[in-house]
PDB file of N, CA and C in Angstrom:
ATOM      1  N   MET A   1       4.997 -25.648  -5.610  1.00  0.00           N
ATOM      2  CA  MET A   1       5.174 -24.869  -3.787  1.00  0.00           C
ATOM      3  C   MET A   1       4.472 -24.491  -2.709  1.00  0.00           C
ATOM      4  N   LYS A   2       4.388 -24.071  -1.869  1.00  0.00           N
ATOM      5  CA  LYS A   2       3.400 -23.838  -0.774  1.00  0.00           C
ATOM      6  C   LYS A   2       2.747 -22.747  -0.823  1.00  0.00           C
ATOM      7  N   SER A   3       1.485 -23.201  -0.762  1.00  0.00           N
ATOM      8  CA  SER A   3       0.447 -21.896  -0.665  1.00  0.00           C
ATOM      9  C   SER A   3       1.137 -20.478  -0.040  1.00  0.00           C
ATOM     10  N   THR A   4       1.301 -19.383  -0.789  1.00  0.00           N
ATOM     11  CA  THR A   4       1.703 -18.160   0.074  1.00  0.00           C
ATOM     12  C   THR A   4       0.274 -16.955   0.742  1.00  0.00           C
ATOM     13  N   SER A   5      -0.585 -17.908   0.969  1.00  0.00           N
ATOM     14  CA  SER A   5      -1.749 -16.970   1.559  1.00  0.00           C
ATOM     15  C   SER A   5      -1.817 -17.303   2.947  1.00  0.00           C
ATOM     16  N   GLY A   6      -0.838 -17.902   3.860  1.00  0.00           N
ATOM     17  CA  GLY A   6      -0.973 -17.827   5.363  1.00  0.00           C
ATOM     18  C   GLY A   6      -0.160 -17.278   5.906  1.00  0.00           C
ATOM     19  N   ARG A   7       0.695 -17.040   6.742  1.00  0.00           N
ATOM     20  CA  ARG A   7       1.635 -16.537   7.886  1.00  0.00           C
ATOM     21  C   ARG A   7       3.087 -16.341   6.962  1.00  0.00           C
ATOM     22  N   CYS A   8       3.725 -15.043   6.491  1.00  0.00           N
ATOM     23  CA  CYS A   8       4.668 -14.800   6.103  1.00  0.00           C
ATOM     24  C   CYS A   8       6.047 -14.414   7.126  1.00  0.00           C
ATOM     25  N   ILE A   9       7.100 -15.341   6.967  1.00  0.00           N
ATOM     26  CA  ILE A   9       8.596 -15.704   7.572  1.00  0.00           C
ATOM     27  C   ILE A   9       9.271 -15.002   6.705  1.00  0.00           C
ATOM     28  N   VAL A  10      10.001 -13.719   6.911  1.00  0.00           N
ATOM     29  CA  VAL A  10      10.713 -13.250   6.281  1.00  0.00           C
ATOM     30  C   VAL A  10      12.037 -13.256   6.547  1.00  0.00           C
ATOM     31  N   VAL A  11      13.187 -12.956   6.239  1.00  0.00           N
ATOM     32  CA  VAL A  11      14.771 -13.134   6.268  1.00  0.00           C
ATOM     33  C   VAL A  11      15.240 -12.093   5.381  1.00  0.00           C
ATOM     34  N   ALA A  12      15.740 -10.989   6.158  1.00  0.00           N
ATOM     35  CA  ALA A  12      16.439 -10.124   4.985  1.00  0.00           C
ATOM     36  C   ALA A  12      17.882  -9.845   5.272  1.00  0.00           C
ATOM     37  N   PHE A  13      18.899 -10.006   4.768  1.00  0.00           N
ATOM     38  CA  PHE A  13      20.336 -10.099   5.035  1.00  0.00           C
ATOM     39  C   PHE A  13      20.758  -8.813   4.325  1.00  0.00           C
ATOM     40  N   ILE A  14      21.645  -8.033   5.684  1.00  0.00           N
ATOM     41  CA  ILE A  14      22.298  -6.914   4.951  1.00  0.00           C
ATOM     42  C   ILE A  14      23.431  -7.115   5.053  1.00  0.00           C
ATOM     43  N   SER A  15      24.485  -6.734   4.438  1.00  0.00           N
ATOM     44  CA  SER A  15      25.717  -6.200   4.660  1.00  0.00           C
ATOM     45  C   SER A  15      26.283  -5.305   4.285  1.00  0.00           C
ATOM     46  N   PRO A  16      26.582  -4.762   5.294  1.00  0.00           N
ATOM     47  CA  PRO A  16      27.177  -3.172   5.343  1.00  0.00           C
ATOM     48  C   PRO A  16      28.651  -3.149   4.587  1.00  0.00           C
ATOM     49  N   ARG A  17      28.910  -1.926   4.097  1.00  0.00           N
ATOM     50  CA  ARG A  17      30.394  -2.474   3.344  1.00  0.00           C
ATOM     51  C   ARG A  17      31.153  -1.885   4.928  1.00  0.00           C
ATOM     52  N   GLU A  18      32.475  -2.402   4.455  1.00  0.00           N
ATOM     53  CA  GLU A  18      34.002  -2.247   5.331  1.00  0.00           C
ATOM     54  C   GLU A  18      33.514  -0.809   6.136  1.00  0.00           C
ATOM     55  N   GLY A  19      33.391  -0.808   7.560  1.00  0.00           N
ATOM     56  CA  GLY A  19      34.209   0.373   8.265  1.00  0.00           C
ATOM     57  C   GLY A  19      32.518   1.263   8.515  1.00  0.00           C
ATOM     58  N   ALA A  20      31.182   0.758   7.966  1.00  0.00           N
ATOM     59  CA  ALA A  20      30.154   1.147   7.873  1.00  0.00           C
ATOM     60  C   ALA A  20      28.755   0.336   8.694  1.00  0.00           C
ATOM     61  N   PHE A  21      29.317  -0.510   9.359  1.00  0.00           N
ATOM     62  CA  PHE A  21      28.340  -1.406   9.875  1.00  0.00           C
ATOM     63  C   PHE A  21      27.704  -0.530  10.968  1.00  0.00           C
ATOM     64  N   ASP A  22      27.960   0.447  12.038  1.00  0.00           N
ATOM     65  CA  ASP A  22      27.396   1.057  12.886  1.00  0.00           C
ATOM     66  C   ASP A  22      26.389   2.221  12.506  1.00  0.00           C
ATOM     67  N   GLN A  23      26.932   2.522  11.639  1.00  0.00           N
ATOM     68  CA  GLN A  23      26.033   3.179  10.752  1.00  0.00           C
ATOM     69  C   GLN A  23      24.893   2.735  10.160  1.00  0.00           C
ATOM     70  N   VAL A  24      25.090   1.751   9.324  1.00  0.00           N
ATOM     71  CA  VAL A  24      23.820   0.690   8.927  1.00  0.00           C
ATOM     72  C   VAL A  24      22.815   0.298   9.855  1.00  0.00           C
ATOM     73  N   LYS A  25      23.625  -0.091  11.195  1.00  0.00           N
ATOM     74  CA  LYS A  25      22.739  -0.840  12.203  1.00  0.00           C
ATOM     75  C   LYS A  25      22.248   0.730  12.723  1.00  0.00           C
ATOM     76  N   GLU A  26      22.605   1.540  12.989  1.00  0.00           N
ATOM     77  CA  GLU A  26      21.640   2.763  13.469  1.00  0.00           C
ATOM     78  C   GLU A  26      20.393   3.120  12.517  1.00  0.00           C
ATOM     79  N   ILE A  27      20.805   2.988  11.200  1.00  0.00           N
ATOM     80  CA  ILE A  27      19.525   3.672   9.900  1.00  0.00           C
ATOM     81  C   ILE A  27      18.085   2.607  10.567  1.00  0.00           C
ATOM     82  N   LEU A  28      19.009   0.962  10.462  1.00  0.00           N
ATOM     83  CA  LEU A  28      17.834  -0.030  10.298  1.00  0.00           C
ATOM     84  C   LEU A  28      17.570   0.088  12.577  1.00  0.00           C
ATOM     85  N   GLU A  29      17.981   0.721  13.035  1.00  0.00           N
ATOM     86  CA  GLU A  29      17.464   1.039  14.129  1.00  0.00           C
ATOM     87  C   GLU A  29      16.562   1.557  14.538  1.00  0.00           C
ATOM     88  N   SER A  30      16.753   2.694  13.992  1.00  0.00           N
ATOM     89  CA  SER A  30      15.748   4.000  13.420  1.00  0.00           C
ATOM     90  C   SER A  30      14.423   3.695  13.131  1.00  0.00           C
ATOM     91  N   VAL A  31      13.892   2.584  11.997  1.00  0.00           N
ATOM     92  CA  VAL A  31      12.727   2.572  11.220  1.00  0.00           C
ATOM     93  C   VAL A  31      12.332   1.448  12.076  1.00  0.00           C
ATOM     94  N   ILE A  32      12.740   0.798  13.201  1.00  0.00           N
ATOM     95  CA  ILE A  32      12.100  -0.862  14.225  1.00  0.00           C
ATOM     96  C   ILE A  32      10.405   0.122  14.564  1.00  0.00           C
ATOM     97  N   PRO A  33      10.689   0.861  15.647  1.00  0.00           N
ATOM     98  CA  PRO A  33       9.162   1.175  16.388  1.00  0.00           C
ATOM     99  C   PRO A  33       8.181   1.288  15.135  1.00  0.00           C
ATOM    100  N   ALA A  34       8.834   2.278  14.106  1.00  0.00           N
ATOM    101  CA  ALA A  34       7.316   2.319  13.110  1.00  0.00           C
ATOM    102  C   ALA A  34       7.000   1.343  12.198  1.00  0.00           C
ATOM    103  N   VAL A  35       7.682   0.108  12.243  1.00  0.00           N
ATOM    104  CA  VAL A  35       7.584  -0.883  11.659  1.00  0.00           C
ATOM    105  C   VAL A  35       6.370  -1.782  12.750  1.00  0.00           C
ATOM    106  N   HIS A  36       7.272  -1.784  13.693  1.00  0.00           N
ATOM    107  CA  HIS A  36       6.037  -2.738  14.748  1.00  0.00           C
ATOM    108  C   HIS A  36       4.547  -2.305  14.836  1.00  0.00           C
ATOM    109  N   GLU A  37       4.629  -1.468  14.119  1.00  0.00           N
ATOM    110  CA  GLU A  37       3.170  -0.520  14.399  1.00  0.00           C
ATOM    111  C   GLU A  37       2.468  -0.828  12.679  1.00  0.00           C
ATOM    112  N   GLU A  38       2.826  -1.186  11.826  1.00  0.00           N
ATOM    113  CA  GLU A  38       2.533  -1.491  10.684  1.00  0.00           C
ATOM    114  C   GLU A  38       1.316  -2.924  10.894  1.00  0.00           C
ATOM    115  N   PRO A  39       0.276  -2.711   9.873  1.00  0.00           N
ATOM    116  CA  PRO A  39      -0.677  -3.666   9.765  1.00  0.00           C
ATOM    117  C   PRO A  39      -0.377  -4.735   9.555  1.00  0.00           C
ATOM    118  N   GLY A  40      -0.267  -5.968  10.379  1.00  0.00           N
ATOM    119  CA  GLY A  40      -0.179  -7.214  10.003  1.00  0.00           C
ATOM    120  C   GLY A  40       1.666  -7.577  10.833  1.00  0.00           C
ATOM    121  N   CYS A  41       2.508  -6.709  11.241  1.00  0.00           N
ATOM    122  CA  CYS A  41       3.782  -7.114  11.546  1.00  0.00           C
ATOM    123  C   CYS A  41       3.572  -7.705  13.248  1.00  0.00           C
ATOM    124  N   GLU A  42       3.868  -9.002  12.979  1.00  0.00           N
ATOM    125  CA  GLU A  42       4.094  -9.937  14.282  1.00  0.00           C
ATOM    126  C   GLU A  42       5.298  -9.708  14.934  1.00  0.00           C
ATOM    127  N   PHE A  43       6.464  -9.285  14.363  1.00  0.00           N
ATOM    128  CA  PHE A  43       7.248  -9.498  15.069  1.00  0.00           C
ATOM    129  C   PHE A  43       8.608  -8.945  13.647  1.00  0.00           C
ATOM    130  N   TYR A  44       9.555  -8.139  13.823  1.00  0.00           N
ATOM    131  CA  TYR A  44      10.516  -7.185  13.019  1.00  0.00           C
ATOM    132  C   TYR A  44      11.669  -7.245  13.861  1.00  0.00           C
ATOM    133  N   ALA A  45      12.358  -8.358  14.339  1.00  0.00           N
ATOM    134  CA  ALA A  45      14.016  -8.236  14.840  1.00  0.00           C
ATOM    135  C   ALA A  45      15.029  -8.222  14.444  1.00  0.00           C
ATOM    136  N   LEU A  46      15.923  -6.921  14.561  1.00  0.00           N
ATOM    137  CA  LEU A  46      17.475  -7.868  14.100  1.00  0.00           C
ATOM    138  C   LEU A  46      18.585  -8.161  14.795  1.00  0.00           C
ATOM    139  N   HIS A  47      19.462  -8.735  14.136  1.00  0.00           N
ATOM    140  CA  HIS A  47      20.074  -9.340  14.336  1.00  0.00           C
ATOM    141  C   HIS A  47      21.332  -9.575  13.890  1.00  0.00           C
ATOM    142  N   GLU A  48      23.040  -9.481  14.185  1.00  0.00           N
ATOM    143  CA  GLU A  48      23.890  -9.894  13.685  1.00  0.00           C
ATOM    144  C   GLU A  48      24.438 -11.281  13.941  1.00  0.00           C
ATOM    145  N   ASP A  49      24.706 -11.614  12.528  1.00  0.00           N
ATOM    146  CA  ASP A  49      25.065 -12.914  11.893  1.00  0.00           C
ATOM    147  C   ASP A  49      26.386 -13.211  12.197  1.00  0.00           C
ATOM    148  N   THR A  50      27.145 -14.110  12.626  1.00  0.00           N
ATOM    149  CA  THR A  50      28.794 -14.226  12.438  1.00  0.00           C
ATOM    150  C   THR A  50      29.410 -13.841  11.759  1.00  0.00           C
ATOM    151  N   THR A  51      29.026 -13.341  10.270  1.00  0.00           N
ATOM    152  CA  THR A  51      29.807 -12.548   9.546  1.00  0.00           C
ATOM    153  C   THR A  51      29.945 -11.153   9.377  1.00  0.00           C
ATOM    154  N   GLY A  52      29.286 -10.942  10.098  1.00  0.00           N
ATOM    155  CA  GLY A  52      28.991  -9.482  10.245  1.00  0.00           C
ATOM    156  C   GLY A  52      27.939  -8.917   9.496  1.00  0.00           C
ATOM    157  N   ARG A  53      27.051  -9.847   9.081  1.00  0.00           N
ATOM    158  CA  ARG A  53      25.495  -9.270   8.037  1.00  0.00           C
ATOM    159  C   ARG A  53      24.479  -8.964   9.442  1.00  0.00           C
ATOM    160  N   LEU A  54      24.346  -7.737   9.281  1.00  0.00           N
ATOM    161  CA  LEU A  54      22.808  -7.505   9.741  1.00  0.00           C
ATOM    162  C   LEU A  54      21.228  -8.052   9.316  1.00  0.00           C
ATOM    163  N   VAL A  55      20.901  -8.781  10.325  1.00  0.00           N
ATOM    164  CA  VAL A  55      19.703  -9.722   9.520  1.00  0.00           C
ATOM    165  C   VAL A  55      18.576  -9.107  10.158  1.00  0.00           C
ATOM    166  N   PHE A  56      17.403  -9.063   9.681  1.00  0.00           N
ATOM    167  CA  PHE A  56      16.380  -8.649   9.682  1.00  0.00           C
ATOM    168  C   PHE A  56      15.564 -10.338  10.164  1.00  0.00           C
ATOM    169  N   ILE A  57      14.732 -10.462  11.225  1.00  0.00           N
ATOM    170  CA  ILE A  57      14.309 -11.874  11.202  1.00  0.00           C
ATOM    171  C   ILE A  57      12.460 -11.042  11.239  1.00  0.00           C
ATOM    172  N   GLU A  58      11.837 -11.324  10.597  1.00  0.00           N
ATOM    173  CA  GLU A  58       9.960 -10.643  10.089  1.00  0.00           C
ATOM    174  C   GLU A  58       8.956 -12.123  10.694  1.00  0.00           C
ATOM    175  N   ALA A  59       7.933 -11.540  10.799  1.00  0.00           N
ATOM    176  CA  ALA A  59       6.687 -12.293  10.729  1.00  0.00           C
ATOM    177  C   ALA A  59       5.659 -11.131  10.431  1.00  0.00           C
ATOM    178  N   TRP A  60       4.682 -12.123   9.293  1.00  0.00           N
ATOM    179  CA  TRP A  60       3.707 -10.765   8.603  1.00  0.00           C
ATOM    180  C   TRP A  60       2.424 -12.013   8.683  1.00  0.00           C
ATOM    181  N   ASP A  61       1.283 -11.212   9.018  1.00  0.00           N
ATOM    182  CA  ASP A  61       0.260 -11.859   9.058  1.00  0.00           C
ATOM    183  C   ASP A  61      -0.041 -12.392   7.700  1.00  0.00           C
ATOM    184  N   SER A  62       0.121 -12.058   6.464  1.00  0.00           N
ATOM    185  CA  SER A  62      -0.424 -12.196   5.051  1.00  0.00           C
ATOM    186  C   SER A  62       1.144 -12.393   4.445  1.00  0.00           C
ATOM    187  N   ARG A  63       1.069 -12.525   3.011  1.00  0.00           N
ATOM    188  CA  ARG A  63       2.299 -12.012   2.437  1.00  0.00           C
ATOM    189  C   ARG A  63       1.888 -10.693   1.845  1.00  0.00           C
ATOM    190  N   ALA A  64       0.330 -10.607   1.565  1.00  0.00           N
ATOM    191  CA  ALA A  64      -0.042  -9.403   1.273  1.00  0.00           C
ATOM    192  C   ALA A  64       0.472  -8.491   2.071  1.00  0.00           C
ATOM    193  N   LEU A  65       0.072  -8.323   3.521  1.00  0.00           N
ATOM    194  CA  LEU A  65       0.656  -7.416   3.991  1.00  0.00           C
ATOM    195  C   LEU A  65       2.235  -7.174   4.388  1.00  0.00           C
ATOM    196  N   TRP A  66       3.174  -8.537   4.181  1.00  0.00           N
ATOM    197  CA  TRP A  66       4.646  -7.788   4.104  1.00  0.00           C
ATOM    198  C   TRP A  66       4.965  -7.367   2.919  1.00  0.00           C
ATOM    199  N   ILE A  67       4.206  -7.345   1.481  1.00  0.00           N
ATOM    200  CA  ILE A  67       4.083  -6.789   0.060  1.00  0.00           C
ATOM    201  C   ILE A  67       3.800  -5.142   0.424  1.00  0.00           C
ATOM    202  N   ASN A  68       2.614  -4.906   1.050  1.00  0.00           N
ATOM    203  CA  ASN A  68       2.515  -3.593   2.006  1.00  0.00           C
ATOM    204  C   ASN A  68       3.269  -3.430   2.346  1.00  0.00           C
ATOM    205  N   HIS A  69       4.185  -3.969   3.274  1.00  0.00           N
ATOM    206  CA  HIS A  69       5.358  -3.293   4.563  1.00  0.00           C
ATOM    207  C   HIS A  69       6.279  -2.830   3.390  1.00  0.00           C
ATOM    208  N   THR A  70       6.740  -3.482   2.191  1.00  0.00           N
ATOM    209  CA  THR A  70       7.574  -3.114   1.218  1.00  0.00           C
ATOM    210  C   THR A  70       7.390  -1.726   0.633  1.00  0.00           C
ATOM    211  N   GLY A  71       6.157  -1.512   1.043  1.00  0.00           N
ATOM    212  CA  GLY A  71       5.918  -0.076   0.200  1.00  0.00           C
ATOM    213  C   GLY A  71       5.575   0.987   1.007  1.00  0.00           C
ATOM    214  N   LEU A  72       6.342   1.070   1.977  1.00  0.00           N
ATOM    215  CA  LEU A  72       5.771   1.684   2.630  1.00  0.00           C
ATOM    216  C   LEU A  72       7.149   2.928   3.408  1.00  0.00           C
ATOM    217  N   SER A  73       6.841   4.097   4.054  1.00  0.00           N
ATOM    218  CA  SER A  73       8.021   4.495   4.213  1.00  0.00           C
ATOM    219  C   SER A  73       9.629   3.724   4.948  1.00  0.00           C
ATOM    220  N   ALA A  74       9.133   2.959   5.832  1.00  0.00           N
ATOM    221  CA  ALA A  74      10.583   2.285   6.502  1.00  0.00           C
ATOM    222  C   ALA A  74      11.842   1.670   5.560  1.00  0.00           C
ATOM    223  N   VAL A  75      10.950   1.079   4.465  1.00  0.00           N
ATOM    224  CA  VAL A  75      11.483   0.550   2.887  1.00  0.00           C
ATOM    225  C   VAL A  75      12.384   1.447   2.936  1.00  0.00           C
ATOM    226  N   ALA A  76      11.688   2.594   2.143  1.00  0.00           N
ATOM    227  CA  ALA A  76      12.034   3.516   1.719  1.00  0.00           C
ATOM    228  C   ALA A  76      12.786   4.412   2.131  1.00  0.00           C
ATOM    229  N   THR A  77      12.821   4.585   3.579  1.00  0.00           N
ATOM    230  CA  THR A  77      13.447   5.193   4.513  1.00  0.00           C
ATOM    231  C   THR A  77      15.164   4.119   4.247  1.00  0.00           C
ATOM    232  N   ILE A  78      15.211   2.675   4.227  1.00  0.00           N
ATOM    233  CA  ILE A  78      16.393   2.108   4.751  1.00  0.00           C
ATOM    234  C   ILE A  78      17.149   1.943   3.555  1.00  0.00           C
ATOM    235  N   THR A  79      16.446   2.097   2.611  1.00  0.00           N
ATOM    236  CA  THR A  79      17.143   2.188   0.766  1.00  0.00           C
ATOM    237  C   THR A  79      17.852   3.772   0.286  1.00  0.00           C
ATOM    238  N   GLU A  80      16.762   4.769   1.291  1.00  0.00           N
ATOM    239  CA  GLU A  80      17.558   5.929   0.830  1.00  0.00           C
ATOM    240  C   GLU A  80      18.793   6.366   1.799  1.00  0.00           C
ATOM    241  N   ARG A  81      18.698   5.797   2.923  1.00  0.00           N
ATOM    242  CA  ARG A  81      19.616   5.995   4.019  1.00  0.00           C
ATOM    243  C   ARG A  81      21.098   5.537   4.210  1.00  0.00           C
ATOM    244  N   THR A  82      20.762   4.118   3.331  1.00  0.00           N
ATOM    245  CA  THR A  82      21.561   3.299   3.033  1.00  0.00           C
ATOM    246  C   THR A  82      22.717   2.896   1.818  1.00  0.00           C
ATOM    247  N   GLU A  83      22.123   3.590   1.190  1.00  0.00           N
ATOM    248  CA  GLU A  83      22.779   4.193   0.003  1.00  0.00           C
ATOM    249  C   GLU A  83      24.520   4.151   0.054  1.00  0.00           C
ATOM    250  N   GLY A  84      24.975   3.669  -1.021  1.00  0.00           N
ATOM    251  CA  GLY A  84      26.367   3.729  -0.887  1.00  0.00           C
ATOM    252  C   GLY A  84      27.068   2.921   0.618  1.00  0.00           C
ATOM    253  N   LEU A  85      26.482   2.834   1.483  1.00  0.00           N
ATOM    254  CA  LEU A  85      27.294   2.297   2.671  1.00  0.00           C
ATOM    255  C   LEU A  85      26.871   0.170   2.808  1.00  0.00           C
ATOM    256  N   LEU A  86      26.164  -0.313   2.013  1.00  0.00           N
ATOM    257  CA  LEU A  86      26.096  -1.579   1.512  1.00  0.00           C
ATOM    258  C   LEU A  86      27.216  -2.195   0.672  1.00  0.00           C
ATOM    259  N   ALA A  87      27.705  -3.662   0.922  1.00  0.00           N
ATOM    260  CA  ALA A  87      28.886  -4.283   0.226  1.00  0.00           C
ATOM    261  C   ALA A  87      28.261  -4.679  -0.885  1.00  0.00           C
ATOM    262  N   SER A  88      27.036  -5.283  -0.576  1.00  0.00           N
ATOM    263  CA  SER A  88      25.831  -5.815  -1.823  1.00  0.00           C
ATOM    264  C   SER A  88      24.283  -5.281  -1.301  1.00  0.00           C
ATOM    265  N   GLU A  89      23.490  -5.222  -2.365  1.00  0.00           N
ATOM    266  CA  GLU A  89      22.043  -5.359  -2.373  1.00  0.00           C
ATOM    267  C   GLU A  89      22.069  -6.515  -1.278  1.00  0.00           C
ATOM    268  N   PRO A  90      20.804  -5.852  -0.699  1.00  0.00           N
ATOM    269  CA  PRO A  90      19.905  -6.767   0.536  1.00  0.00           C
ATOM    270  C   PRO A  90      19.713  -8.004  -0.184  1.00  0.00           C
ATOM    271  N   ASP A  91      19.411  -9.535   0.449  1.00  0.00           N
ATOM    272  CA  ASP A  91      19.389 -10.577   0.308  1.00  0.00           C
ATOM    273  C   ASP A  91      17.900 -11.313   0.833  1.00  0.00           C
ATOM    274  N   VAL A  92      16.976 -10.632   0.402  1.00  0.00           N
ATOM    275  CA  VAL A  92      15.692 -11.098   1.180  1.00  0.00           C
ATOM    276  C   VAL A  92      14.951 -12.099   0.759  1.00  0.00           C
ATOM    277  N   VAL A  93      14.642 -12.874   1.561  1.00  0.00           N
ATOM    278  CA  VAL A  93      14.442 -14.139   1.347  1.00  0.00           C
ATOM    279  C   VAL A  93      12.502 -14.506   2.370  1.00  0.00           C
ATOM    280  N   GLU A  94      11.577 -14.616   1.754  1.00  0.00           N
ATOM    281  CA  GLU A  94      10.722 -14.811   1.706  1.00  0.00           C
ATOM    282  C   GLU A  94      10.198 -16.386   1.939  1.00  0.00           C
ATOM    283  N   MET A  95       9.067 -16.736   3.327  1.00  0.00           N
ATOM    284  CA  MET A  95       9.456 -18.301   2.996  1.00  0.00           C
ATOM    285  C   MET A  95       7.564 -18.536   4.112  1.00  0.00           C
ATOM    286  N   TYR A  96       7.383 -19.978   3.777  1.00  0.00           N
ATOM    287  CA  TYR A  96       6.047 -20.435   4.357  1.00  0.00           C
ATOM    288  C   TYR A  96       6.219 -21.421   5.658  1.00  0.00           C
ATOM    289  N   GLY A  97       5.432 -21.592   6.717  1.00  0.00           N
ATOM    290  CA  GLY A  97       6.051 -23.166   7.463  1.00  0.00           C
ATOM    291  C   GLY A  97       5.567 -23.887   6.749  1.00  0.00           C
ATOM    292  N   LEU A  98       6.363 -25.146   6.811  1.00  0.00           N
ATOM    293  CA  LEU A  98       5.814 -26.412   6.716  1.00  0.00           C
ATOM    294  C   LEU A  98       5.777 -27.201   7.912  1.00  0.00           C
ATOM    295  N   PRO A  99       4.660 -26.983   9.104  1.00  0.00           N
ATOM    296  CA  PRO A  99       4.583 -27.596  10.081  1.00  0.00           C
ATOM    297  C   PRO A  99       5.042 -28.618  10.622  1.00  0.00           C
ATOM    298  N   VAL A 100       5.964 -29.704  11.360  1.00  0.00           N
ATOM    299  CA  VAL A 100       6.351 -30.896  11.399  1.00  0.00           C
ATOM    300  C   VAL A 100       6.358 -30.989  12.928  1.00  0.00           C
ATOM    301  N   GLY A 101       6.195 -31.943  14.168  1.00  0.00           N
ATOM    302  CA  GLY A 101       6.325 -32.055  15.198  1.00  0.00           C
ATOM    303  C   GLY A 101       5.966 -30.913  15.749  1.00  0.00           C
ATOM    304  N   GLY A 102       4.447 -30.708  16.075  1.00  0.00           N
ATOM    305  CA  GLY A 102       3.150 -30.083  16.616  1.00  0.00           C
ATOM    306  C   GLY A 102       3.833 -28.637  17.025  1.00  0.00           C
ATOM    307  N   VAL A 103       3.768 -28.232  17.991  1.00  0.00           N
ATOM    308  CA  VAL A 103       4.086 -26.857  18.309  1.00  0.00           C
ATOM    309  C   VAL A 103       5.554 -26.262  18.587  1.00  0.00           C
ATOM    310  N   ARG A 104       6.509 -27.664  18.410  1.00  0.00           N
ATOM    311  CA  ARG A 104       7.870 -27.215  18.348  1.00  0.00           C
ATOM    312  C   ARG A 104       8.364 -26.871  16.659  1.00  0.00           C
ATOM    313  N   GLY A 105       7.439 -27.164  15.797  1.00  0.00           N
ATOM    314  CA  GLY A 105       8.002 -27.202  14.155  1.00  0.00           C
ATOM    315  C   GLY A 105       7.440 -26.045  13.736  1.00  0.00           C
ATOM    316  N   VAL A 106       7.034 -25.204  15.025  1.00  0.00           N
ATOM    317  CA  VAL A 106       6.343 -23.652  14.207  1.00  0.00           C
ATOM    318  C   VAL A 106       7.069 -22.527  14.854  1.00  0.00           C
ATOM    319  N   LEU A 107       7.277 -21.600  14.444  1.00  0.00           N
ATOM    320  CA  LEU A 107       7.700 -20.478  15.012  1.00  0.00           C
ATOM    321  C   LEU A 107       6.529 -19.722  15.522  1.00  0.00           C
ATOM    322  N   PRO A 108       6.798 -19.788  16.886  1.00  0.00           N
ATOM    323  CA  PRO A 108       5.874 -19.157  17.385  1.00  0.00           C
ATOM    324  C   PRO A 108       5.028 -18.032  17.353  1.00  0.00           C
ATOM    325  N   SER A 109       4.121 -17.853  17.274  1.00  0.00           N
ATOM    326  CA  SER A 109       3.196 -16.512  17.484  1.00  0.00           C
ATOM    327  C   SER A 109       4.094 -15.275  18.900  1.00  0.00           C
ATOM    328  N   VAL A 110       3.936 -14.352  18.399  1.00  0.00           N
ATOM    329  CA  VAL A 110       3.781 -13.238  19.350  1.00  0.00           C
ATOM    330  C   VAL A 110       2.546 -12.441  19.729  1.00  0.00           C
ATOM    331  N   ALA A 111       2.561 -12.572  20.965  1.00  0.00           N
ATOM    332  CA  ALA A 111       1.228 -12.246  21.346  1.00  0.00           C
ATOM    333  C   ALA A 111       1.557 -10.472  21.231  1.00  0.00           C
ATOM    334  N   ARG A 112      -0.057  -9.665  20.755  1.00  0.00           N
ATOM    335  CA  ARG A 112       0.266  -8.122  20.053  1.00  0.00           C
ATOM    336  C   ARG A 112      -0.232  -7.497  21.481  1.00  0.00           C
ATOM    337  N   ARG A 113       0.211  -6.255  21.951  1.00  0.00           N
ATOM    338  CA  ARG A 113      -0.863  -5.418  23.333  1.00  0.00           C
ATOM    339  C   ARG A 113      -1.947  -5.457  22.389  1.00  0.00           C
TER     340      ARG A 113
END
């Protein structure tokens, strides 16, 4: 397994229960501004996939900073406020780049303010 000491990319798949999509989306959207201010957050972007899941795509400066994020209020808010609204537990995938092909083989960094 690749070292976890570098930039940490996370994809979190969230499956709202039938009829709860808008409510879950609103909950997730509500935490985004706070997460953007967390130490090490390069990006934290919400998407919808073609199956109706909500998907966070995230980049953190390090695994330690991502793990720190999981213990902060945004994740607690999501967990508490989505109770009973999800079809299944979120599926969270942690990964680290294997750059091939120069700059096109790496997720680009985002300039911070």
